[in-house]
Amino acid sequence: MKRLFTLLIAAIITATPYAIAQNVGHPLIKGFEGSEIIKQEVAEFDEQQLVIGKVQQDGTVWSAKTEKLEGKVTRIDYQDPPNRSSLERIRNYELALKKSGFEIVFICSKEECGPEIVIPTIGYYPPERYLTARMKRKEGNIWVGVFIAAGSYSKIIIVEEKPMETDLVKVTADILKTNILKEGHMALYEIYFDTGKSEIKTESERAISSVADYLKENPEVNVYIVGHTDNVGDYTMNQKLSKVRGESVKTYLVSKYQISATRLTGEGAGPICPVTSNDTEEGRAINRRVEIVKK
């Protein structure tokens, strides 16, 4: 069933003369000449898929090859001038992006794009015309998705790849108590190990001391200390490594902070309990953690 695709995108670096917006919705990129912004959303860190291949059938399932991106995501909906064709608009953006140093990763008209499907973070796809462009940078690539409707609507999605900010929440005994009382467990990201190792690094001291404070202030509480890994490497080795890491934290708490060994159990879950996808380095970093679990 055909649906009206009302959210499309047109993008261009400020310096280029090809497409100049009356309303600037992004510091680097402007929309098509004469277009007006209907809606704009900015997420400092989010996930976004952009299409890089034709919609094809795999068995009974239709899907498109996409690039799964994470970083700062800007989504802007435009109303374009009614007397401009979809071909004129997409060609304008294609030329402008190329001139500004982008490479065109994928471009298609509706017939070339393939049959209509629903793609997470995009919605109904394809529009009348579509392109994905990329600019490679050391500090993080910039991706642009351009969705052009048959009518006078367009949508631009700009993804500025960057790692997620970490260490935004510092572990304290009070935070541990609150989370363990509420959830029964808490993940710690400030206990560090070298890759493939179980020796605790010195920069882990503050987090471990907070665990010790919590346990001393709550002598009735016994806990599992559970290591978690990402899914890179051998499954059996990851299971073993995660358990050894959990036991290392237990040993540290017993030897340095005199927490009774009977209150602590070192365990490991390997890669089987991820909190997010392992498809990106940022996701793998989030999955590598130590959790304190109330018995």
C-alpha atoms as a PDB file:
ATOM      1  CA  MET A   1       0.000   0.000   0.000  1.00  0.00           C
ATOM      2  CA  LYS A   2       1.366   3.362  -0.991  1.00  0.00           C
ATOM      3  CA  ARG A   3       1.663   5.958   1.732  1.00  0.00           C
ATOM      4  CA  LEU A   4       2.369   9.654   1.561  1.00  0.00           C
ATOM      5  CA  PHE A   5       5.920  10.143   2.775  1.00  0.00           C
ATOM      6  CA  THR A   6       5.880  13.567   4.347  1.00  0.00           C
ATOM      7  CA  LEU A   7       9.251  13.616   6.059  1.00  0.00           C
ATOM      8  CA  LEU A   8      12.187  14.108   3.717  1.00  0.00           C
ATOM      9  CA  ILE A   9      15.643  15.635   3.791  1.00  0.00           C
ATOM     10  CA  ALA A  10      17.734  18.076   1.882  1.00  0.00           C
ATOM     11  CA  ALA A  11      21.194  19.011   3.022  1.00  0.00           C
ATOM     12  CA  ILE A  12      24.156  21.118   2.134  1.00  0.00           C
ATOM     13  CA  ILE A  13      27.267  22.603   3.690  1.00  0.00           C
ATOM     14  CA  THR A  14      26.964  26.354   4.273  1.00  0.00           C
ATOM     15  CA  ALA A  15      29.710  27.395   1.856  1.00  0.00           C
ATOM     16  CA  THR A  16      28.112  25.906  -1.269  1.00  0.00           C
ATOM     17  CA  PRO A  17      25.911  28.030  -3.577  1.00  0.00           C
ATOM     18  CA  TYR A  18      23.690  25.171  -4.754  1.00  0.00           C
ATOM     19  CA  ALA A  19      21.074  25.055  -1.992  1.00  0.00           C
ATOM     20  CA  ILE A  20      20.507  27.938   0.365  1.00  0.00           C
ATOM     21  CA  ALA A  21      17.774  27.891   2.999  1.00  0.00           C
ATOM     22  CA  GLN A  22      15.835  30.864   4.266  1.00  0.00           C
ATOM     23  CA  ASN A  23      15.755  29.182   7.699  1.00  0.00           C
ATOM     24  CA  VAL A  24      18.981  27.557   8.864  1.00  0.00           C
ATOM     25  CA  GLY A  25      18.314  24.478  10.994  1.00  0.00           C
ATOM     26  CA  HIS A  26      21.877  23.178  11.374  1.00  0.00           C
ATOM     27  CA  PRO A  27      25.179  25.061  11.816  1.00  0.00           C
ATOM     28  CA  LEU A  28      26.846  23.118   8.978  1.00  0.00           C
ATOM     29  CA  ILE A  29      23.983  22.298   6.645  1.00  0.00           C
ATOM     30  CA  LYS A  30      21.259  24.307   4.947  1.00  0.00           C
ATOM     31  CA  GLY A  31      18.089  23.201   3.228  1.00  0.00           C
ATOM     32  CA  PHE A  32      16.813  23.771  -0.308  1.00  0.00           C
ATOM     33  CA  GLU A  33      16.374  27.368  -1.492  1.00  0.00           C
ATOM     34  CA  GLY A  34      12.948  28.665  -0.514  1.00  0.00           C
ATOM     35  CA  SER A  35      12.209  25.841   1.930  1.00  0.00           C
ATOM     36  CA  GLU A  36      10.767  26.429   5.386  1.00  0.00           C
ATOM     37  CA  ILE A  37      11.386  24.384   8.520  1.00  0.00           C
ATOM     38  CA  ILE A  38       8.282  22.608   9.814  1.00  0.00           C
ATOM     39  CA  LYS A  39       9.900  20.665  12.644  1.00  0.00           C
ATOM     40  CA  GLN A  40      13.373  20.130  14.067  1.00  0.00           C
ATOM     41  CA  GLU A  41      14.669  17.625  16.637  1.00  0.00           C
ATOM     42  CA  VAL A  42      18.204  17.371  18.005  1.00  0.00           C
ATOM     43  CA  ALA A  43      19.536  14.529  20.165  1.00  0.00           C
ATOM     44  CA  GLU A  44      23.051  14.903  21.567  1.00  0.00           C
ATOM     45  CA  PHE A  45      23.468  11.133  21.409  1.00  0.00           C
ATOM     46  CA  ASP A  46      21.094   8.775  19.633  1.00  0.00           C
ATOM     47  CA  GLU A  47      20.998   5.952  17.119  1.00  0.00           C
ATOM     48  CA  GLN A  48      19.967   6.386  13.499  1.00  0.00           C
ATOM     49  CA  GLN A  49      19.873   4.146  10.451  1.00  0.00           C
ATOM     50  CA  LEU A  50      20.567   5.462   6.961  1.00  0.00           C
ATOM     51  CA  VAL A  51      19.984   3.383   3.850  1.00  0.00           C
ATOM     52  CA  ILE A  52      22.996   2.287   1.780  1.00  0.00           C
ATOM     53  CA  GLY A  53      21.423  -0.344  -0.483  1.00  0.00           C
ATOM     54  CA  LYS A  54      18.305  -1.332  -2.396  1.00  0.00           C
ATOM     55  CA  VAL A  55      15.332  -2.965  -0.674  1.00  0.00           C
ATOM     56  CA  GLN A  56      15.623  -6.682  -1.441  1.00  0.00           C
ATOM     57  CA  GLN A  57      13.856  -9.884  -0.491  1.00  0.00           C
ATOM     58  CA  ASP A  58      15.525 -12.491   1.702  1.00  0.00           C
ATOM     59  CA  GLY A  59      13.150 -15.439   1.823  1.00  0.00           C
ATOM     60  CA  THR A  60       9.827 -13.932   2.844  1.00  0.00           C
ATOM     61  CA  VAL A  61      11.349 -10.785   4.366  1.00  0.00           C
ATOM     62  CA  TRP A  62      11.986  -7.526   2.549  1.00  0.00           C
ATOM     63  CA  SER A  63      14.767  -5.347   3.956  1.00  0.00           C
ATOM     64  CA  ALA A  64      17.258  -2.673   2.961  1.00  0.00           C
ATOM     65  CA  LYS A  65      20.946  -2.583   3.760  1.00  0.00           C
ATOM     66  CA  THR A  66      21.480   0.206   6.270  1.00  0.00           C
ATOM     67  CA  GLU A  67      24.315   1.845   8.142  1.00  0.00           C
ATOM     68  CA  LYS A  68      23.616   1.847  11.877  1.00  0.00           C
ATOM     69  CA  LEU A  69      25.010   5.070  13.282  1.00  0.00           C
ATOM     70  CA  GLU A  70      25.408   6.605  16.729  1.00  0.00           C
ATOM     71  CA  GLY A  71      26.178  10.189  17.629  1.00  0.00           C
ATOM     72  CA  LYS A  72      24.557  13.602  17.555  1.00  0.00           C
ATOM     73  CA  VAL A  73      21.432  13.315  15.421  1.00  0.00           C
ATOM     74  CA  THR A  74      19.587  16.272  13.887  1.00  0.00           C
ATOM     75  CA  ARG A  75      16.278  15.656  12.117  1.00  0.00           C
ATOM     76  CA  ILE A  76      14.683  18.515  10.193  1.00  0.00           C
ATOM     77  CA  ASP A  77      11.378  18.476   8.285  1.00  0.00           C
ATOM     78  CA  TYR A  78      10.941  21.003   5.488  1.00  0.00           C
ATOM     79  CA  GLN A  79       8.152  22.323   3.324  1.00  0.00           C
ATOM     80  CA  ASP A  80       9.727  22.993  -0.052  1.00  0.00           C
ATOM     81  CA  PRO A  81       8.619  25.334  -2.832  1.00  0.00           C
ATOM     82  CA  PRO A  82       5.678  23.716  -4.685  1.00  0.00           C
ATOM     83  CA  ASN A  83       7.096  24.425  -8.138  1.00  0.00           C
ATOM     84  CA  ARG A  84      10.302  22.393  -7.649  1.00  0.00           C
ATOM     85  CA  SER A  85      10.361  18.773  -8.823  1.00  0.00           C
ATOM     86  CA  SER A  86      11.750  15.931  -6.763  1.00  0.00           C
ATOM     87  CA  LEU A  87      14.435  15.395  -9.413  1.00  0.00           C
ATOM     88  CA  GLU A  88      15.559  19.032  -9.257  1.00  0.00           C
ATOM     89  CA  ARG A  89      15.778  18.926  -5.478  1.00  0.00           C
ATOM     90  CA  ILE A  90      17.706  15.647  -5.210  1.00  0.00           C
ATOM     91  CA  ARG A  91      20.153  16.678  -7.959  1.00  0.00           C
ATOM     92  CA  ASN A  92      20.689  20.007  -6.214  1.00  0.00           C
ATOM     93  CA  TYR A  93      21.619  18.288  -2.968  1.00  0.00           C
ATOM     94  CA  GLU A  94      23.755  15.689  -4.710  1.00  0.00           C
ATOM     95  CA  LEU A  95      25.857  18.345  -6.418  1.00  0.00           C
ATOM     96  CA  ALA A  96      26.069  20.514  -3.318  1.00  0.00           C
ATOM     97  CA  LEU A  97      27.181  17.687  -1.096  1.00  0.00           C
ATOM     98  CA  LYS A  98      29.817  16.531  -3.594  1.00  0.00           C
ATOM     99  CA  LYS A  99      31.152  20.072  -3.882  1.00  0.00           C
ATOM    100  CA  SER A 100      31.426  20.258  -0.100  1.00  0.00           C
ATOM    101  CA  GLY A 101      33.549  17.113   0.155  1.00  0.00           C
ATOM    102  CA  PHE A 102      30.888  14.474   0.755  1.00  0.00           C
ATOM    103  CA  GLU A 103      30.854  11.184  -1.086  1.00  0.00           C
ATOM    104  CA  ILE A 104      27.490   9.861  -2.259  1.00  0.00           C
ATOM    105  CA  VAL A 105      27.181   6.421  -0.656  1.00  0.00           C
ATOM    106  CA  PHE A 106      23.760   5.560  -2.107  1.00  0.00           C
ATOM    107  CA  ILE A 107      21.175   7.327  -4.266  1.00  0.00           C
ATOM    108  CA  CYS A 108      17.940   6.086  -5.811  1.00  0.00           C
ATOM    109  CA  SER A 109      14.536   7.017  -7.192  1.00  0.00           C
ATOM    110  CA  LYS A 110      11.466   5.277  -5.776  1.00  0.00           C
ATOM    111  CA  GLU A 111      11.513   2.518  -8.419  1.00  0.00           C
ATOM    112  CA  GLU A 112      15.247   1.964  -7.953  1.00  0.00           C
ATOM    113  CA  CYS A 113      15.004   2.043  -4.145  1.00  0.00           C
ATOM    114  CA  GLY A 114      12.694  -0.968  -4.048  1.00  0.00           C
ATOM    115  CA  PRO A 115       9.277  -1.748  -2.514  1.00  0.00           C
ATOM    116  CA  GLU A 116       7.950   0.060   0.543  1.00  0.00           C
ATOM    117  CA  ILE A 117       9.057  -1.207   3.969  1.00  0.00           C
ATOM    118  CA  VAL A 118       9.331   0.134   7.497  1.00  0.00           C
ATOM    119  CA  ILE A 119      12.839   0.787   8.836  1.00  0.00           C
ATOM    120  CA  PRO A 120      13.515   1.488  12.521  1.00  0.00           C
ATOM    121  CA  THR A 121      14.449   5.170  13.187  1.00  0.00           C
ATOM    122  CA  ILE A 122      13.291   6.040   9.654  1.00  0.00           C
ATOM    123  CA  GLY A 123       9.706   4.822   9.314  1.00  0.00           C
ATOM    124  CA  TYR A 124       8.132   4.224   5.919  1.00  0.00           C
ATOM    125  CA  TYR A 125      10.725   3.971   3.146  1.00  0.00           C
ATOM    126  CA  PRO A 126      11.370   4.768   0.317  1.00  0.00           C
ATOM    127  CA  PRO A 127      10.300   8.316  -0.494  1.00  0.00           C
ATOM    128  CA  GLU A 128      10.156   9.569  -4.091  1.00  0.00           C
ATOM    129  CA  ARG A 129      13.922  10.066  -4.107  1.00  0.00           C
ATOM    130  CA  TYR A 130      16.628   9.349  -1.562  1.00  0.00           C
ATOM    131  CA  LEU A 131      20.365   9.662  -0.988  1.00  0.00           C
ATOM    132  CA  THR A 132      22.917   8.974   1.716  1.00  0.00           C
ATOM    133  CA  ALA A 133      26.175  10.945   1.808  1.00  0.00           C
ATOM    134  CA  ARG A 134      29.227  10.744   4.059  1.00  0.00           C
ATOM    135  CA  MET A 135      32.137  13.009   4.912  1.00  0.00           C
ATOM    136  CA  LYS A 136      35.056  11.231   6.588  1.00  0.00           C
ATOM    137  CA  ARG A 137      36.730  13.082   9.460  1.00  0.00           C
ATOM    138  CA  LYS A 138      39.247  12.061  12.118  1.00  0.00           C
ATOM    139  CA  GLU A 139      37.032  13.455  14.856  1.00  0.00           C
ATOM    140  CA  GLY A 140      34.034  11.492  13.588  1.00  0.00           C
ATOM    141  CA  ASN A 141      32.294  11.111  10.232  1.00  0.00           C
ATOM    142  CA  ILE A 142      29.290  13.208   9.222  1.00  0.00           C
ATOM    143  CA  TRP A 143      26.422  11.394   7.509  1.00  0.00           C
ATOM    144  CA  VAL A 144      23.518  13.015   5.709  1.00  0.00           C
ATOM    145  CA  GLY A 145      20.296  11.340   4.659  1.00  0.00           C
ATOM    146  CA  VAL A 146      18.120  13.171   2.136  1.00  0.00           C
ATOM    147  CA  PHE A 147      14.470  12.164   1.751  1.00  0.00           C
ATOM    148  CA  ILE A 148      12.557  13.880  -1.069  1.00  0.00           C
ATOM    149  CA  ALA A 149       8.774  13.482  -1.413  1.00  0.00           C
ATOM    150  CA  ALA A 150       6.764  13.665  -4.636  1.00  0.00           C
ATOM    151  CA  GLY A 151       4.970  16.670  -3.123  1.00  0.00           C
ATOM    152  CA  SER A 152       6.620  19.664  -1.495  1.00  0.00           C
ATOM    153  CA  TYR A 153       7.986  17.943   1.599  1.00  0.00           C
ATOM    154  CA  SER A 154      11.482  16.851   2.485  1.00  0.00           C
ATOM    155  CA  LYS A 155      13.444  15.646   5.492  1.00  0.00           C
ATOM    156  CA  ILE A 156      17.102  15.941   6.357  1.00  0.00           C
ATOM    157  CA  ILE A 157      18.880  13.732   8.884  1.00  0.00           C
ATOM    158  CA  ILE A 158      22.410  14.643   9.927  1.00  0.00           C
ATOM    159  CA  VAL A 159      24.440  12.249  12.058  1.00  0.00           C
ATOM    160  CA  GLU A 160      27.700  13.470  13.570  1.00  0.00           C
ATOM    161  CA  GLU A 161      29.376  10.277  14.719  1.00  0.00           C
ATOM    162  CA  LYS A 162      30.904  10.438  18.169  1.00  0.00           C
ATOM    163  CA  PRO A 163      31.277   8.173  21.200  1.00  0.00           C
ATOM    164  CA  MET A 164      28.746   8.480  23.968  1.00  0.00           C
ATOM    165  CA  GLU A 165      29.788  10.642  26.897  1.00  0.00           C
ATOM    166  CA  THR A 166      30.660   8.480  29.867  1.00  0.00           C
ATOM    167  CA  ASP A 167      31.325   9.062  33.558  1.00  0.00           C
ATOM    168  CA  LEU A 168      28.267  11.309  33.756  1.00  0.00           C
ATOM    169  CA  VAL A 169      27.172   9.500  36.913  1.00  0.00           C
ATOM    170  CA  LYS A 170      29.717   8.927  39.667  1.00  0.00           C
ATOM    171  CA  VAL A 171      29.193   5.907  41.864  1.00  0.00           C
ATOM    172  CA  THR A 172      28.703   6.571  45.580  1.00  0.00           C
ATOM    173  CA  ALA A 173      27.553   4.390  48.444  1.00  0.00           C
ATOM    174  CA  ASP A 174      24.221   6.261  48.477  1.00  0.00           C
ATOM    175  CA  ILE A 175      23.701   5.720  44.737  1.00  0.00           C
ATOM    176  CA  LEU A 176      24.515   2.036  45.142  1.00  0.00           C
ATOM    177  CA  LYS A 177      22.045   1.701  47.985  1.00  0.00           C
ATOM    178  CA  THR A 178      19.295   3.495  46.084  1.00  0.00           C
ATOM    179  CA  ASN A 179      19.738   1.423  42.927  1.00  0.00           C
ATOM    180  CA  ILE A 180      20.136  -1.913  44.683  1.00  0.00           C
ATOM    181  CA  LEU A 181      17.054  -1.286  46.835  1.00  0.00           C
ATOM    182  CA  LYS A 182      15.065  -0.305  43.746  1.00  0.00           C
ATOM    183  CA  GLU A 183      16.427  -2.636  41.060  1.00  0.00           C
ATOM    184  CA  GLY A 184      18.276  -5.317  42.982  1.00  0.00           C
ATOM    185  CA  HIS A 185      21.493  -4.607  41.090  1.00  0.00           C
ATOM    186  CA  MET A 186      23.683  -1.827  39.710  1.00  0.00           C
ATOM    187  CA  ALA A 187      26.167  -1.771  36.841  1.00  0.00           C
ATOM    188  CA  LEU A 188      29.564  -0.191  37.452  1.00  0.00           C
ATOM    189  CA  TYR A 189      31.546   1.238  34.523  1.00  0.00           C
ATOM    190  CA  GLU A 190      34.417   2.625  36.571  1.00  0.00           C
ATOM    191  CA  ILE A 191      36.074  -0.701  37.344  1.00  0.00           C
ATOM    192  CA  TYR A 192      38.688  -1.120  34.638  1.00  0.00           C
ATOM    193  CA  PHE A 193      40.703  -4.029  33.232  1.00  0.00           C
ATOM    194  CA  ASP A 194      43.080  -4.317  30.315  1.00  0.00           C
ATOM    195  CA  THR A 195      41.731  -6.275  27.327  1.00  0.00           C
ATOM    196  CA  GLY A 196      41.666  -9.973  28.113  1.00  0.00           C
ATOM    197  CA  LYS A 197      43.010  -9.412  31.654  1.00  0.00           C
ATOM    198  CA  SER A 198      41.526  -9.689  35.133  1.00  0.00           C
ATOM    199  CA  GLU A 199      43.944  -7.464  37.068  1.00  0.00           C
ATOM    200  CA  ILE A 200      42.120  -4.402  38.399  1.00  0.00           C
ATOM    201  CA  LYS A 201      43.576  -1.115  37.147  1.00  0.00           C
ATOM    202  CA  THR A 202      44.460   1.641  39.624  1.00  0.00           C
ATOM    203  CA  GLU A 203      41.850   4.057  38.238  1.00  0.00           C
ATOM    204  CA  SER A 204      39.158   1.676  39.547  1.00  0.00           C
ATOM    205  CA  GLU A 205      39.901   2.595  43.157  1.00  0.00           C
ATOM    206  CA  ARG A 206      37.183   5.205  43.635  1.00  0.00           C
ATOM    207  CA  ALA A 207      34.402   2.919  42.388  1.00  0.00           C
ATOM    208  CA  ILE A 208      35.572  -0.050  44.465  1.00  0.00           C
ATOM    209  CA  SER A 209      35.903   2.102  47.570  1.00  0.00           C
ATOM    210  CA  SER A 210      32.280   3.197  47.081  1.00  0.00           C
ATOM    211  CA  VAL A 211      31.230  -0.471  46.987  1.00  0.00           C
ATOM    212  CA  ALA A 212      33.184  -1.063  50.184  1.00  0.00           C
ATOM    213  CA  ASP A 213      31.513   1.934  51.854  1.00  0.00           C
ATOM    214  CA  TYR A 214      28.094   0.647  50.846  1.00  0.00           C
ATOM    215  CA  LEU A 215      28.803  -2.827  52.211  1.00  0.00           C
ATOM    216  CA  LYS A 216      30.159  -1.444  55.494  1.00  0.00           C
ATOM    217  CA  GLU A 217      27.131   0.805  55.923  1.00  0.00           C
ATOM    218  CA  ASN A 218      24.774  -2.098  55.149  1.00  0.00           C
ATOM    219  CA  PRO A 219      26.236  -5.126  56.952  1.00  0.00           C
ATOM    220  CA  GLU A 220      23.079  -7.177  56.408  1.00  0.00           C
ATOM    221  CA  VAL A 221      23.517  -7.087  52.614  1.00  0.00           C
ATOM    222  CA  ASN A 222      25.305  -9.877  50.747  1.00  0.00           C
ATOM    223  CA  VAL A 223      26.076  -9.514  47.030  1.00  0.00           C
ATOM    224  CA  TYR A 224      27.133 -11.235  43.842  1.00  0.00           C
ATOM    225  CA  ILE A 225      29.896  -9.418  41.957  1.00  0.00           C
ATOM    226  CA  VAL A 226      29.243 -10.286  38.319  1.00  0.00           C
ATOM    227  CA  GLY A 227      31.628  -9.627  35.459  1.00  0.00           C
ATOM    228  CA  HIS A 228      30.227  -9.003  31.953  1.00  0.00           C
ATOM    229  CA  THR A 229      32.020  -8.918  28.587  1.00  0.00           C
ATOM    230  CA  ASP A 230      31.137  -7.950  25.034  1.00  0.00           C
ATOM    231  CA  ASN A 231      30.741 -10.664  22.367  1.00  0.00           C
ATOM    232  CA  VAL A 232      34.161 -10.255  20.763  1.00  0.00           C
ATOM    233  CA  GLY A 233      36.231 -13.437  20.843  1.00  0.00           C
ATOM    234  CA  ASP A 234      35.598 -16.959  22.028  1.00  0.00           C
ATOM    235  CA  TYR A 235      32.442 -17.510  24.071  1.00  0.00           C
ATOM    236  CA  THR A 236      34.023 -19.907  26.556  1.00  0.00           C
ATOM    237  CA  MET A 237      36.993 -17.596  27.137  1.00  0.00           C
ATOM    238  CA  ASN A 238      34.648 -14.642  27.721  1.00  0.00           C
ATOM    239  CA  GLN A 239      32.660 -16.641  30.251  1.00  0.00           C
ATOM    240  CA  LYS A 240      35.841 -17.577  32.099  1.00  0.00           C
ATOM    241  CA  LEU A 241      37.253 -14.041  31.925  1.00  0.00           C
ATOM    242  CA  SER A 242      34.077 -12.460  33.274  1.00  0.00           C
ATOM    243  CA  LYS A 243      34.015 -14.814  36.277  1.00  0.00           C
ATOM    244  CA  VAL A 244      37.691 -14.234  37.059  1.00  0.00           C
ATOM    245  CA  ARG A 245      37.083 -10.477  36.962  1.00  0.00           C
ATOM    246  CA  GLY A 246      34.172 -10.824  39.376  1.00  0.00           C
ATOM    247  CA  GLU A 247      36.385 -12.856  41.694  1.00  0.00           C
ATOM    248  CA  SER A 248      39.182 -10.258  41.384  1.00  0.00           C
ATOM    249  CA  VAL A 249      36.877  -7.525  42.670  1.00  0.00           C
ATOM    250  CA  LYS A 250      35.793  -9.799  45.533  1.00  0.00           C
ATOM    251  CA  THR A 251      39.409 -10.493  46.488  1.00  0.00           C
ATOM    252  CA  TYR A 252      40.207  -6.760  46.378  1.00  0.00           C
ATOM    253  CA  LEU A 253      37.295  -5.915  48.688  1.00  0.00           C
ATOM    254  CA  VAL A 254      38.318  -8.631  51.133  1.00  0.00           C
ATOM    255  CA  SER A 255      42.050  -7.866  51.186  1.00  0.00           C
ATOM    256  CA  LYS A 256      42.002  -4.062  51.184  1.00  0.00           C
ATOM    257  CA  TYR A 257      38.700  -3.213  52.859  1.00  0.00           C
ATOM    258  CA  GLN A 258      38.255  -6.234  55.141  1.00  0.00           C
ATOM    259  CA  ILE A 259      34.797  -7.083  53.789  1.00  0.00           C
ATOM    260  CA  SER A 260      33.914 -10.612  54.896  1.00  0.00           C
ATOM    261  CA  ALA A 261      34.409 -13.111  52.082  1.00  0.00           C
ATOM    262  CA  THR A 262      31.209 -14.887  53.140  1.00  0.00           C
ATOM    263  CA  ARG A 263      29.186 -11.859  52.030  1.00  0.00           C
ATOM    264  CA  LEU A 264      30.616 -11.845  48.496  1.00  0.00           C
ATOM    265  CA  THR A 265      30.385 -14.203  45.542  1.00  0.00           C
ATOM    266  CA  GLY A 266      32.371 -13.556  42.383  1.00  0.00           C
ATOM    267  CA  GLU A 267      30.533 -14.625  39.234  1.00  0.00           C
ATOM    268  CA  GLY A 268      30.599 -14.067  35.476  1.00  0.00           C
ATOM    269  CA  ALA A 269      27.944 -13.801  32.777  1.00  0.00           C
ATOM    270  CA  GLY A 270      30.255 -13.400  29.787  1.00  0.00           C
ATOM    271  CA  PRO A 271      28.432 -11.852  26.809  1.00  0.00           C
ATOM    272  CA  ILE A 272      24.972 -13.330  27.486  1.00  0.00           C
ATOM    273  CA  CYS A 273      23.395 -10.348  29.282  1.00  0.00           C
ATOM    274  CA  PRO A 274      24.135  -7.282  27.106  1.00  0.00           C
ATOM    275  CA  VAL A 275      22.425  -3.989  27.883  1.00  0.00           C
ATOM    276  CA  THR A 276      22.750  -2.765  24.290  1.00  0.00           C
ATOM    277  CA  SER A 277      23.869  -3.941  20.849  1.00  0.00           C
ATOM    278  CA  ASN A 278      27.444  -5.174  20.357  1.00  0.00           C
ATOM    279  CA  ASP A 279      27.439  -3.864  16.766  1.00  0.00           C
ATOM    280  CA  THR A 280      29.444  -0.726  17.640  1.00  0.00           C
ATOM    281  CA  GLU A 281      32.491  -0.052  19.807  1.00  0.00           C
ATOM    282  CA  GLU A 282      30.411   2.277  21.964  1.00  0.00           C
ATOM    283  CA  GLY A 283      27.863  -0.497  22.517  1.00  0.00           C
ATOM    284  CA  ARG A 284      30.576  -3.026  23.342  1.00  0.00           C
ATOM    285  CA  ALA A 285      32.054  -0.592  25.889  1.00  0.00           C
ATOM    286  CA  ILE A 286      28.683  -0.335  27.626  1.00  0.00           C
ATOM    287  CA  ASN A 287      28.333  -4.113  27.763  1.00  0.00           C
ATOM    288  CA  ARG A 288      31.734  -4.514  29.416  1.00  0.00           C
ATOM    289  CA  ARG A 289      30.926  -3.906  33.056  1.00  0.00           C
ATOM    290  CA  VAL A 290      30.822  -5.237  36.602  1.00  0.00           C
ATOM    291  CA  GLU A 291      27.431  -5.514  38.303  1.00  0.00           C
ATOM    292  CA  ILE A 292      26.736  -5.591  42.022  1.00  0.00           C
ATOM    293  CA  VAL A 293      23.711  -7.830  42.563  1.00  0.00           C
ATOM    294  CA  LYS A 294      21.929  -8.211  45.888  1.00  0.00           C
ATOM    295  CA  LYS A 295      21.570 -11.827  46.996  1.00  0.00           C
END
